[in-house]
Amino acid sequence: MRTTDAPHSHPTTLTHEVTNQPPPLTGHDVADDAVLLEGVRREGAEWHTEELHRLGRLVGGEEAQEWADQANHHEPVLRTHDRYGHRVDEVEFHPAYHHLMDTSVGAGLAGAAWADERPGAHVARAAGFMLMTTLEPGHLCPVSMTYAVVPALRHSPGLAKTYEPLLTSRVYEAGLRAPAGKRGLLAGMGMTEKQGGTDVRANTTTAAEAADGTWRLRGHKWFTSAPMNDLFLVLAQAPGGLSCFLVPRVLPDGSRNTFRIQRLKDKLGNRANASSEPEFDDTVAWLVGTEGKGVRTIIDMVTMTRLDCVLGSAAGTRAALAQAAHHARHRAVFGAKLIDQPLMRNVIGDLSVESEAATTLALRLAGAADRAQRGDAGERAFLRLAMAVGKYWVCKRQPAAVAEALECLGGNGYDEASGMPRLYREAPLNGIWEGSGNVNALDLLRALGREPESLDAFRTEIEAASGADRRLDAAWQALRGELVLTEDAPLRARRLIERAALVLQGSLLVRHAPAAVADAFCASRLDGDQGLAFGTLAPGTDFAGLLERLPA
């Protein structure tokens, strides 16, 4: 029976007009960022500015952001067997993932810098890596490992001659085929095992030499990312001790090498990237470097992936800051824009200081890496200590900074549609990969104990700012006393590396950042004029000067 007194309605009738919501953060140039561009110029890659802006416009565009969303929503799927029961051990990705890979490899973010003779090539690559991280960090894991494998592979000149031209290619070619038949290769790394983790010397994967000069591996790795890459550096126990081996997914004759993917890891974040547990069973491999010197060989790869962890965390922090600043510029509360509310200015300003310190340090490390590989012994010594310092601190600060930025959006930030939850899930990753906080803190102690030239180089870097700020001078004076190793050094290693990071960042900002940024950093991070949370900068801080440095 039809009622006649029901309220009349139309599907198009709106209950209210939507107001006070920010527009999508799209259609802008992510590289239009003073902190990034100044760092790139300072570290010797100003010639790359135009290309950075091209990539920045792509990253800020709606299409690329849709790729990022799709690659994370449609996660990698493992296929162990084909329809007939043959073992294939392949991982399928959504087309959006391949678009991201093609963009990053084509932009030279994989191994291309090693084939570029221009000074600053590694800085240019670092800046591009940071831009793509703000878009989607998961796909950059195979890109990063491909970049990092080159110096390790050079321990075996014959292997490097064969594979380096393809590892430094700007061509992304998905799929498993004989390496020599592809136009570009990707590389990975397999170190950890279930019984050892960080203690790689506890590895039980074995290696036996075959009559033809190759080796045969047997074992099970615990956390090997990007299993669809073409080549892997793997640690295994040879008769002469723990050694490094090159393992291709496909052998030169086109047959599949034994690389059984037992499962994909169900990770907190980094969902677009596949991480796996591969099993080796009579797997063909080639020795890289000297038998028994596997850690010494693969550490060159680890060092460069640690650089990418710092770059990634600095970029992830900046991406979160950009979202918070964009929201605050458009959202009004109590009759004023959030960005004009005193307490929100404090929070955003404090996050801006944190982000600028992280970005400046990350690009300084990239510059040191570029000059070190070109033969600068002083930069190589500086990098030995500063890499551990940067890896520890910048990666450690990212989760707290992203959480604070998410809170700036309120409930909107807790909604997946905002993109903030993905940034938050990603935030702890770089602190874990390639050595957790404790590993890097203890690495600092090893550098201090075994390589005094690294402390000399670190001292030179800090003292380049001597006399410019009394708070920095006082912090450095106090730190110098703590750098003398005593019996309790392992117990206080985290305190030591934290102070070293803050003093290093302070020196960089005092020399290179605007006065408002350097003053706020030294007051809050070195002089103790700050609370325990972000947004506790003291009255008198030049907040207008800090907010001028915000990314678009």
Protein backbone atom coordinates (compact mmCIF):
# COMPACT_ATOMS: atom_id res chain seq x y z
CA MET A 1 0.00 0.00 0.00
CA ARG A 2 1.35 3.39 -0.99
CA THR A 3 1.58 6.00 1.74
CA THR A 4 0.67 9.56 0.90
CA ASP A 5 2.23 11.27 3.92
CA ALA A 6 5.84 10.18 3.45
CA PRO A 7 8.26 13.09 3.07
CA HIS A 8 9.03 13.90 -0.54
CA SER A 9 12.73 13.47 -1.42
CA HIS A 10 14.99 13.71 -4.44
CA PRO A 11 18.18 11.69 -4.89
CA THR A 12 20.11 14.85 -5.75
CA THR A 13 19.05 16.80 -2.67
CA LEU A 14 22.03 17.66 -0.43
CA THR A 15 21.66 17.71 3.31
CA HIS A 16 24.39 20.34 3.45
CA GLU A 17 27.20 21.86 1.46
CA VAL A 18 30.64 20.42 2.19
CA THR A 19 32.94 23.19 3.39
CA ASN A 20 36.12 23.57 5.43
CA GLN A 21 37.81 20.56 3.83
CA PRO A 22 41.19 20.93 2.08
CA PRO A 23 41.43 20.16 -1.62
CA PRO A 24 43.48 17.14 -2.73
CA LEU A 25 47.22 17.76 -2.64
CA THR A 26 47.74 17.14 -6.36
CA GLY A 27 48.82 19.04 -9.44
CA HIS A 28 51.94 20.58 -7.92
CA ASP A 29 55.71 20.25 -8.25
CA VAL A 30 57.03 18.30 -5.25
CA ALA A 31 60.57 19.41 -6.15
CA ASP A 32 59.59 23.05 -5.61
CA ASP A 33 61.10 22.77 -2.15
CA ALA A 34 63.77 25.20 -0.97
CA VAL A 35 65.33 22.74 1.49
CA LEU A 36 65.75 20.05 -1.15
CA LEU A 37 66.97 22.37 -3.91
CA GLU A 38 69.45 24.20 -1.69
CA GLY A 39 70.89 20.87 -0.53
CA VAL A 40 71.22 19.58 -4.08
CA ARG A 41 72.99 22.78 -5.12
CA ARG A 42 75.29 22.73 -2.08
CA GLU A 43 76.28 19.09 -2.61
CA GLY A 44 77.20 19.56 -6.26
CA ALA A 45 74.23 18.54 -8.41
CA GLU A 46 72.66 21.85 -9.41
CA TRP A 47 72.94 20.67 -13.02
CA HIS A 48 70.14 18.22 -12.24
CA THR A 49 67.57 20.86 -11.20
CA GLU A 50 65.51 20.84 -14.38
CA GLU A 51 65.18 17.06 -14.33
CA LEU A 52 64.20 17.18 -10.65
CA HIS A 53 61.37 19.56 -11.45
CA ARG A 54 60.18 17.25 -14.23
CA LEU A 55 60.10 14.34 -11.80
CA GLY A 56 58.56 16.54 -9.10
CA ARG A 57 55.63 17.43 -11.35
CA LEU A 58 55.06 13.76 -12.11
CA VAL A 59 55.16 12.84 -8.40
CA GLY A 60 52.72 15.62 -7.59
CA GLY A 61 50.32 14.58 -10.34
CA GLU A 62 47.07 12.71 -9.95
CA GLU A 63 48.03 9.81 -12.24
CA ALA A 64 51.21 8.90 -10.34
CA GLN A 65 49.40 9.17 -7.01
CA GLU A 66 46.81 6.74 -8.36
CA TRP A 67 49.64 4.32 -9.24
CA ALA A 68 50.83 4.51 -5.63
CA ASP A 69 47.35 3.80 -4.27
CA GLN A 70 46.77 0.88 -6.62
CA ALA A 71 50.18 -0.70 -6.01
CA ASN A 72 49.46 -0.78 -2.28
CA HIS A 73 45.83 -1.83 -2.58
CA HIS A 74 46.57 -4.68 -5.02
CA GLU A 75 49.41 -6.39 -3.19
CA PRO A 76 51.93 -8.80 -4.74
CA VAL A 77 50.71 -12.39 -5.11
CA LEU A 78 52.98 -15.45 -4.95
CA ARG A 79 52.58 -18.21 -7.54
CA THR A 80 54.70 -21.19 -6.57
CA HIS A 81 53.43 -23.47 -9.40
CA ASP A 82 51.88 -23.07 -12.82
CA ARG A 83 48.56 -24.66 -13.82
CA TYR A 84 50.29 -27.94 -14.70
CA GLY A 85 52.14 -28.31 -11.40
CA HIS A 86 55.55 -27.08 -12.53
CA ARG A 87 57.46 -25.03 -9.96
CA VAL A 88 57.72 -21.39 -11.15
CA ASP A 89 58.26 -19.31 -7.97
CA GLU A 90 57.03 -16.04 -9.40
CA VAL A 91 55.41 -12.99 -7.83
CA GLU A 92 52.70 -11.13 -9.73
CA PHE A 93 52.33 -7.37 -9.40
CA HIS A 94 49.60 -4.94 -10.36
CA PRO A 95 50.39 -2.87 -13.49
CA ALA A 96 50.64 0.22 -11.29
CA TYR A 97 53.71 -1.27 -9.62
CA HIS A 98 55.39 -1.66 -12.99
CA HIS A 99 54.56 1.97 -13.86
CA LEU A 100 56.33 3.05 -10.67
CA MET A 101 59.33 0.84 -11.38
CA ASP A 102 59.60 2.06 -14.95
CA THR A 103 59.52 5.66 -13.75
CA SER A 104 62.18 5.21 -11.07
CA VAL A 105 64.57 3.12 -13.14
CA GLY A 106 64.08 5.45 -16.10
CA ALA A 107 64.91 8.41 -13.85
CA GLY A 108 68.26 6.80 -13.04
CA LEU A 109 67.43 5.90 -9.44
CA ALA A 110 68.76 2.34 -9.71
CA GLY A 111 72.39 1.85 -10.74
CA ALA A 112 72.73 4.64 -13.30
CA ALA A 113 74.78 6.96 -11.05
CA TRP A 114 77.70 4.51 -11.12
CA ALA A 115 77.98 5.00 -14.88
CA ASP A 116 77.69 8.81 -14.69
CA GLU A 117 81.05 10.59 -14.55
CA ARG A 118 79.62 13.97 -13.57
CA PRO A 119 80.44 15.19 -10.05
CA GLY A 120 77.28 15.10 -7.99
CA ALA A 121 75.73 12.18 -9.88
CA HIS A 122 75.00 10.33 -6.65
CA VAL A 123 73.49 13.49 -5.14
CA ALA A 124 71.24 13.90 -8.17
CA ARG A 125 70.15 10.31 -7.80
CA ALA A 126 69.55 10.81 -4.05
CA ALA A 127 67.27 13.79 -4.66
CA GLY A 128 65.23 11.84 -7.20
CA PHE A 129 65.03 8.93 -4.79
CA MET A 130 63.61 11.27 -2.15
CA LEU A 131 60.98 12.59 -4.54
CA MET A 132 59.82 9.10 -5.49
CA THR A 133 59.79 8.09 -1.82
CA THR A 134 57.19 10.77 -1.13
CA LEU A 135 55.07 9.11 -3.81
CA GLU A 136 55.49 5.40 -2.97
CA PRO A 137 58.44 3.94 -1.06
CA GLY A 138 57.73 0.21 -1.42
CA HIS A 139 58.81 -0.14 -5.03
CA LEU A 140 62.09 1.59 -4.21
CA CYS A 141 63.41 -1.42 -2.30
CA PRO A 142 64.54 -3.25 -5.48
CA VAL A 143 65.67 0.09 -6.91
CA SER A 144 67.81 0.73 -3.83
CA MET A 145 69.39 -2.72 -3.81
CA THR A 146 70.25 -2.43 -7.49
CA TYR A 147 72.01 0.86 -6.76
CA ALA A 148 73.85 -0.60 -3.79
CA VAL A 149 75.03 -3.86 -5.39
CA VAL A 150 77.50 -2.24 -7.81
CA PRO A 151 80.38 -1.45 -5.40
CA ALA A 152 80.11 -4.91 -3.83
CA LEU A 153 80.08 -6.66 -7.19
CA ARG A 154 83.26 -4.84 -8.13
CA HIS A 155 85.12 -7.14 -5.73
CA SER A 156 84.95 -9.60 -8.63
CA PRO A 157 85.94 -7.63 -11.76
CA GLY A 158 84.85 -10.39 -14.11
CA LEU A 159 81.32 -10.48 -12.74
CA ALA A 160 81.19 -6.69 -12.67
CA LYS A 161 82.21 -6.52 -16.31
CA THR A 162 79.37 -8.86 -17.23
CA TYR A 163 76.58 -7.40 -15.13
CA GLU A 164 77.38 -3.78 -14.30
CA PRO A 165 76.35 -2.35 -17.70
CA LEU A 166 72.90 -3.89 -17.22
CA LEU A 167 72.65 -2.90 -13.55
CA THR A 168 73.40 0.73 -14.47
CA SER A 169 70.82 0.73 -17.27
CA ARG A 170 67.81 3.06 -17.24
CA VAL A 171 65.61 0.36 -18.77
CA TYR A 172 63.12 -1.51 -16.59
CA GLU A 173 62.34 -4.93 -18.00
CA ALA A 174 60.10 -7.08 -15.82
CA GLY A 175 60.07 -10.87 -15.97
CA LEU A 176 62.54 -13.70 -15.46
CA ARG A 177 64.86 -14.30 -18.40
CA ALA A 178 68.55 -15.02 -18.92
CA PRO A 179 70.33 -11.89 -17.62
CA ALA A 180 72.44 -11.33 -20.74
CA GLY A 181 69.27 -11.22 -22.85
CA LYS A 182 67.70 -8.34 -20.93
CA ARG A 183 68.22 -4.61 -21.43
CA GLY A 184 68.32 -3.88 -17.71
CA LEU A 185 68.73 -5.88 -14.49
CA LEU A 186 67.63 -5.54 -10.88
CA ALA A 187 69.56 -6.93 -7.92
CA GLY A 188 68.68 -8.02 -4.40
CA MET A 189 70.35 -9.28 -1.25
CA GLY A 190 69.94 -12.31 1.03
CA MET A 191 71.78 -12.11 4.35
CA THR A 192 69.57 -12.92 7.32
CA GLU A 193 68.35 -16.35 8.40
CA LYS A 194 65.81 -17.41 10.99
CA GLN A 195 68.34 -18.55 13.58
CA GLY A 196 70.60 -15.52 13.33
CA GLY A 197 68.97 -12.35 12.05
CA THR A 198 71.52 -9.58 12.50
CA ASP A 199 74.13 -12.13 13.55
CA VAL A 200 74.85 -13.20 9.97
CA ARG A 201 77.86 -15.23 11.10
CA ALA A 202 75.34 -17.69 12.53
CA ASN A 203 74.09 -18.42 9.00
CA THR A 204 73.76 -22.09 8.15
CA THR A 205 73.34 -21.85 4.37
CA THR A 206 76.25 -23.83 2.91
CA ALA A 207 78.30 -23.43 -0.24
CA ALA A 208 80.29 -26.15 -1.99
CA GLU A 209 82.51 -25.56 -5.02
CA ALA A 210 81.63 -27.45 -8.19
CA ALA A 211 84.03 -28.83 -10.78
CA ASP A 212 83.17 -26.06 -13.26
CA GLY A 213 84.23 -23.30 -10.84
CA THR A 214 80.72 -22.35 -9.79
CA TRP A 215 79.33 -23.06 -6.33
CA ARG A 216 76.23 -24.86 -5.07
CA LEU A 217 74.19 -23.38 -2.21
CA ARG A 218 71.83 -25.11 0.18
CA GLY A 219 69.84 -23.25 2.83
CA HIS A 220 66.87 -21.04 3.70
CA LYS A 221 66.96 -17.24 3.93
CA TRP A 222 64.58 -15.48 6.27
CA PHE A 223 63.94 -12.03 4.78
CA THR A 224 64.81 -11.47 1.13
CA SER A 225 62.96 -8.61 -0.49
CA ALA A 226 62.06 -8.23 -4.16
CA PRO A 227 62.35 -11.92 -5.11
CA MET A 228 61.56 -11.16 -8.76
CA ASN A 229 64.86 -9.33 -9.14
CA ASP A 230 67.35 -10.88 -11.55
CA LEU A 231 70.42 -11.25 -9.31
CA PHE A 232 71.08 -11.59 -5.58
CA LEU A 233 74.11 -11.28 -3.36
CA VAL A 234 73.86 -14.02 -0.76
CA LEU A 235 75.95 -14.98 2.27
CA ALA A 236 76.76 -18.66 2.77
CA GLN A 237 79.24 -20.78 4.70
CA ALA A 238 82.05 -21.99 2.41
CA PRO A 239 84.94 -24.19 3.59
CA GLY A 240 87.00 -21.02 4.03
CA GLY A 241 84.33 -19.27 6.08
CA LEU A 242 81.34 -17.01 5.49
CA SER A 243 81.47 -15.84 1.87
CA CYS A 244 79.49 -13.73 -0.57
CA PHE A 245 77.92 -15.26 -3.70
CA LEU A 246 76.06 -14.03 -6.74
CA VAL A 247 72.82 -15.97 -7.34
CA PRO A 248 70.88 -15.35 -10.58
CA ARG A 249 67.20 -16.29 -10.78
CA VAL A 250 67.81 -17.52 -14.35
CA LEU A 251 71.06 -19.17 -15.43
CA PRO A 252 73.00 -18.04 -18.51
CA ASP A 253 71.56 -20.92 -20.57
CA GLY A 254 68.00 -19.74 -19.84
CA SER A 255 67.12 -22.45 -17.32
CA ARG A 256 65.66 -21.53 -13.93
CA ASN A 257 68.00 -21.58 -10.97
CA THR A 258 66.61 -23.18 -7.82
CA PHE A 259 65.07 -20.28 -5.86
CA ARG A 260 62.02 -21.68 -4.08
CA ILE A 261 59.89 -18.92 -2.61
CA GLN A 262 58.36 -20.52 0.47
CA ARG A 263 56.13 -17.58 1.33
CA LEU A 264 55.79 -13.80 1.19
CA LYS A 265 56.08 -11.85 4.40
CA ASP A 266 52.88 -10.29 5.74
CA LYS A 267 54.40 -6.93 6.66
CA LEU A 268 53.16 -3.97 8.67
CA GLY A 269 53.75 -1.63 5.74
CA ASN A 270 55.75 -1.58 2.51
CA ARG A 271 52.87 -3.53 1.03
CA ALA A 272 53.62 -2.80 -2.62
CA ASN A 273 56.97 -4.57 -2.27
CA ALA A 274 57.23 -8.35 -1.96
CA SER A 275 59.53 -9.73 0.75
CA SER A 276 60.10 -13.45 0.83
CA GLU A 277 61.72 -16.54 2.29
CA PRO A 278 63.68 -18.27 -0.50
CA GLU A 279 65.09 -21.76 -0.20
CA PHE A 280 68.27 -22.82 -2.00
CA ASP A 281 68.77 -26.44 -3.00
CA ASP A 282 71.78 -27.13 -5.23
CA THR A 283 71.43 -23.51 -6.32
CA VAL A 284 74.12 -22.32 -8.73
CA ALA A 285 76.17 -19.35 -7.52
CA TRP A 286 79.39 -17.46 -8.27
CA LEU A 287 81.85 -16.37 -5.57
CA VAL A 288 82.09 -12.59 -5.14
CA GLY A 289 85.29 -11.34 -3.57
CA THR A 290 87.49 -13.57 -1.43
CA GLU A 291 86.32 -16.79 0.19
CA GLY A 292 85.83 -16.24 3.90
CA LYS A 293 85.47 -12.45 3.50
CA GLY A 294 81.75 -12.37 2.80
CA VAL A 295 80.82 -9.69 5.33
CA ARG A 296 83.64 -7.44 4.17
CA THR A 297 82.40 -7.85 0.59
CA ILE A 298 78.69 -7.35 1.12
CA ILE A 299 79.17 -4.46 3.56
CA ASP A 300 79.75 -2.18 0.57
CA MET A 301 76.21 -2.99 -0.51
CA VAL A 302 74.87 -2.54 3.02
CA THR A 303 76.50 0.89 3.32
CA MET A 304 74.76 2.20 0.24
CA THR A 305 71.38 0.77 1.25
CA ARG A 306 71.83 2.47 4.61
CA LEU A 307 72.21 5.75 2.74
CA ASP A 308 68.88 5.08 1.07
CA CYS A 309 67.32 4.37 4.46
CA VAL A 310 68.35 7.86 5.59
CA LEU A 311 67.12 9.41 2.35
CA GLY A 312 63.85 7.48 2.62
CA SER A 313 63.19 8.48 6.21
CA ALA A 314 63.98 12.13 5.53
CA ALA A 315 61.62 12.03 2.55
CA GLY A 316 58.91 10.19 4.48
CA THR A 317 59.07 12.81 7.23
CA ARG A 318 58.84 15.58 4.66
CA ALA A 319 55.89 13.93 2.91
CA ALA A 320 54.00 13.79 6.21
CA LEU A 321 54.89 17.41 6.96
CA ALA A 322 53.61 18.45 3.53
CA GLN A 323 50.26 16.79 4.19
CA ALA A 324 49.97 18.39 7.63
CA ALA A 325 50.89 21.84 6.31
CA HIS A 326 48.45 21.53 3.40
CA HIS A 327 45.64 20.59 5.78
CA ALA A 328 46.49 23.42 8.16
CA ARG A 329 46.55 26.00 5.37
CA HIS A 330 43.00 25.13 4.30
CA ARG A 331 41.23 24.03 7.49
CA ALA A 332 39.63 26.68 9.71
CA VAL A 333 38.93 26.30 13.43
CA PHE A 334 37.48 28.88 15.81
CA GLY A 335 37.35 31.52 13.09
CA ALA A 336 40.90 31.22 11.78
CA LYS A 337 42.95 28.93 9.58
CA LEU A 338 44.76 26.23 11.51
CA ILE A 339 48.10 27.48 10.18
CA ASP A 340 47.41 30.81 11.94
CA GLN A 341 46.53 29.25 15.31
CA PRO A 342 49.48 29.73 17.72
CA LEU A 343 49.68 26.17 18.97
CA MET A 344 49.37 24.63 15.54
CA ARG A 345 52.10 27.00 14.32
CA ASN A 346 54.26 25.58 17.07
CA VAL A 347 53.58 21.98 16.02
CA ILE A 348 54.05 22.57 12.31
CA GLY A 349 57.09 24.75 12.92
CA ASP A 350 58.70 22.10 15.12
CA LEU A 351 58.04 19.41 12.52
CA SER A 352 59.55 21.72 9.91
CA VAL A 353 62.74 22.04 11.94
CA GLU A 354 62.92 18.25 12.31
CA SER A 355 62.35 17.73 8.61
CA GLU A 356 64.92 20.30 7.49
CA ALA A 357 67.54 18.80 9.81
CA ALA A 358 66.85 15.32 8.42
CA THR A 359 66.88 16.43 4.77
CA THR A 360 70.05 18.47 5.17
CA LEU A 361 71.90 15.58 6.82
CA ALA A 362 70.64 13.06 4.26
CA LEU A 363 71.90 15.15 1.34
CA ARG A 364 75.20 15.80 3.12
CA LEU A 365 75.68 12.02 3.35
CA ALA A 366 74.82 11.67 -0.34
CA GLY A 367 77.41 14.31 -1.16
CA ALA A 368 80.00 12.51 0.94
CA ALA A 369 79.20 9.24 -0.82
CA ASP A 370 79.60 10.90 -4.21
CA ARG A 371 82.97 12.41 -3.34
CA ALA A 372 84.18 9.29 -1.53
CA GLN A 373 83.64 7.07 -4.54
CA ARG A 374 85.61 9.60 -6.59
CA GLY A 375 88.61 9.16 -4.33
CA ASP A 376 88.16 11.72 -1.52
CA ALA A 377 89.71 9.97 1.52
CA GLY A 378 88.45 12.59 3.96
CA GLU A 379 84.86 12.17 2.82
CA ARG A 380 85.22 8.40 2.99
CA ALA A 381 86.40 8.68 6.59
CA PHE A 382 83.56 11.07 7.46
CA LEU A 383 81.02 8.73 5.90
CA ARG A 384 82.23 5.78 7.97
CA LEU A 385 81.06 7.43 11.18
CA ALA A 386 78.38 9.81 9.92
CA MET A 387 76.46 7.10 8.06
CA ALA A 388 75.85 5.19 11.29
CA VAL A 389 74.87 8.42 13.02
CA GLY A 390 72.45 9.46 10.28
CA LYS A 391 70.96 6.00 9.85
CA TYR A 392 70.25 5.75 13.56
CA TRP A 393 68.78 9.19 14.18
CA VAL A 394 66.89 10.16 11.04
CA CYS A 395 65.24 6.73 10.87
CA LYS A 396 64.51 6.78 14.59
CA ARG A 397 62.75 10.14 14.40
CA GLN A 398 60.51 9.35 11.43
CA PRO A 399 57.77 7.41 13.29
CA ALA A 400 57.30 10.14 15.90
CA ALA A 401 57.26 12.90 13.29
CA VAL A 402 54.78 11.08 11.04
CA ALA A 403 52.50 10.34 14.00
CA GLU A 404 52.47 14.03 14.95
CA ALA A 405 51.77 15.07 11.37
CA LEU A 406 48.92 12.56 11.16
CA GLU A 407 47.42 14.04 14.32
CA CYS A 408 47.40 17.48 12.66
CA LEU A 409 44.69 16.13 10.35
CA GLY A 410 42.62 14.86 13.27
CA GLY A 411 40.22 12.07 12.39
CA ASN A 412 40.82 12.73 8.71
CA GLY A 413 44.40 11.60 9.21
CA TYR A 414 43.27 8.27 10.63
CA ASP A 415 41.24 7.55 7.49
CA GLU A 416 42.97 5.51 4.80
CA ALA A 417 41.72 7.93 2.12
CA SER A 418 44.05 10.62 3.49
CA GLY A 419 47.16 8.57 2.75
CA MET A 420 48.50 9.24 6.24
CA PRO A 421 48.00 5.68 7.56
CA ARG A 422 50.20 4.37 4.76
CA LEU A 423 52.91 6.88 5.68
CA TYR A 424 52.58 5.84 9.32
CA ARG A 425 52.85 2.10 8.59
CA GLU A 426 55.91 2.78 6.50
CA ALA A 427 57.62 4.95 9.12
CA PRO A 428 59.34 2.25 11.27
CA LEU A 429 60.77 0.35 8.31
CA ASN A 430 64.01 2.19 7.62
CA GLY A 431 64.94 1.96 11.29
CA ILE A 432 64.87 -1.84 10.97
CA TRP A 433 66.23 -2.57 7.50
CA GLU A 434 70.00 -2.70 7.05
CA GLY A 435 70.67 -2.62 10.77
CA SER A 436 68.37 -1.62 13.61
CA GLY A 437 69.09 1.17 16.07
CA ASN A 438 71.30 -0.96 18.28
CA VAL A 439 73.33 -2.20 15.31
CA ASN A 440 74.11 1.34 14.21
CA ALA A 441 74.87 2.54 17.73
CA LEU A 442 77.39 -0.27 18.16
CA ASP A 443 78.74 0.43 14.68
CA LEU A 444 79.56 3.94 15.88
CA LEU A 445 81.61 2.43 18.71
CA ARG A 446 83.47 0.20 16.25
CA ALA A 447 84.32 3.18 14.06
CA LEU A 448 85.58 5.13 17.06
CA GLY A 449 87.70 2.21 18.25
CA ARG A 450 89.14 0.99 14.96
CA GLU A 451 89.18 3.99 12.63
CA PRO A 452 90.37 7.13 14.43
CA GLU A 453 90.48 8.95 11.09
CA SER A 454 86.68 8.82 11.00
CA LEU A 455 86.49 10.78 14.26
CA ASP A 456 89.00 13.29 12.88
CA ALA A 457 86.81 13.80 9.81
CA PHE A 458 83.70 14.09 11.99
CA ARG A 459 85.44 16.67 14.17
CA THR A 460 86.44 18.69 11.11
CA GLU A 461 82.83 18.72 9.93
CA ILE A 462 81.45 19.87 13.29
CA GLU A 463 84.12 22.48 13.90
CA ALA A 464 83.46 24.11 10.54
CA ALA A 465 80.73 25.92 12.50
CA SER A 466 82.85 26.78 15.55
CA GLY A 467 82.00 30.12 17.08
CA ALA A 468 78.78 30.53 15.13
CA ASP A 469 76.45 29.48 17.96
CA ARG A 470 77.36 29.16 21.64
CA ARG A 471 74.85 26.33 22.19
CA LEU A 472 76.39 24.27 19.42
CA ASP A 473 79.88 24.93 20.76
CA ALA A 474 78.81 23.83 24.25
CA ALA A 475 77.10 20.68 22.94
CA TRP A 476 80.17 19.73 20.92
CA GLN A 477 82.44 20.31 23.91
CA ALA A 478 80.29 17.98 26.03
CA LEU A 479 80.10 15.36 23.27
CA ARG A 480 83.89 15.29 22.82
CA GLY A 481 84.23 14.03 26.38
CA GLU A 482 81.70 11.25 25.78
CA LEU A 483 83.44 10.05 22.62
CA VAL A 484 86.26 8.61 24.72
CA LEU A 485 85.42 4.91 24.88
CA THR A 486 85.10 3.47 28.37
CA GLU A 487 84.01 0.11 29.72
CA ASP A 488 80.36 1.16 29.80
CA ALA A 489 80.36 2.43 26.20
CA PRO A 490 78.00 -0.31 24.88
CA LEU A 491 75.48 0.57 27.58
CA ARG A 492 75.44 4.27 26.66
CA ALA A 493 75.86 3.81 22.90
CA ARG A 494 72.36 5.07 22.07
CA ARG A 495 72.82 8.21 24.13
CA LEU A 496 76.16 8.79 22.45
CA ILE A 497 74.93 8.35 18.87
CA GLU A 498 71.88 10.54 19.54
CA ARG A 499 74.04 13.39 20.78
CA ALA A 500 76.43 12.93 17.86
CA ALA A 501 73.52 13.17 15.41
CA LEU A 502 72.12 16.31 17.00
CA VAL A 503 75.49 18.05 17.07
CA LEU A 504 76.11 17.10 13.43
CA GLN A 505 72.69 18.37 12.37
CA GLY A 506 73.25 21.53 14.39
CA SER A 507 76.54 22.21 12.66
CA LEU A 508 74.96 21.73 9.24
CA LEU A 509 71.99 23.99 9.99
CA VAL A 510 74.08 26.74 11.56
CA ARG A 511 76.16 26.86 8.38
CA HIS A 512 73.49 26.35 5.76
CA ALA A 513 69.95 27.02 7.03
CA PRO A 514 68.19 30.35 7.62
CA ALA A 515 68.75 31.87 11.05
CA ALA A 516 65.20 31.04 12.18
CA VAL A 517 65.75 27.32 11.56
CA ALA A 518 69.24 27.14 13.04
CA ASP A 519 68.22 29.10 16.14
CA ALA A 520 65.13 26.97 16.78
CA PHE A 521 67.15 23.78 16.34
CA CYS A 522 69.97 24.80 18.64
CA ALA A 523 67.58 26.10 21.31
CA SER A 524 65.35 23.03 21.33
CA ARG A 525 67.63 20.13 20.40
CA LEU A 526 70.97 21.24 21.84
CA ASP A 527 70.12 23.64 24.67
CA GLY A 528 67.18 21.67 26.06
CA ASP A 529 64.58 24.41 25.63
CA GLN A 530 61.89 21.99 24.45
CA GLY A 531 59.44 19.46 25.85
CA LEU A 532 59.30 15.79 24.98
CA ALA A 533 56.72 16.12 22.19
CA PHE A 534 56.66 18.14 18.99
CA GLY A 535 55.04 21.57 19.30
CA THR A 536 56.92 22.60 22.44
CA LEU A 537 59.23 25.25 21.01
CA ALA A 538 59.68 28.21 23.33
CA PRO A 539 57.96 31.58 23.06
CA GLY A 540 60.12 33.94 21.05
CA THR A 541 60.79 31.35 18.35
CA ASP A 542 60.62 32.85 14.86
CA PHE A 543 57.64 30.78 13.73
CA ALA A 544 57.08 32.87 10.63
CA GLY A 545 60.62 32.11 9.55
CA LEU A 546 60.10 28.39 10.15
CA LEU A 547 56.84 28.23 8.23
CA GLU A 548 58.45 29.91 5.23
CA ARG A 549 60.42 26.68 4.74
CA LEU A 550 57.40 24.41 4.47
CA PRO A 551 57.09 22.27 1.34
CA ALA A 552 54.22 22.99 -1.02
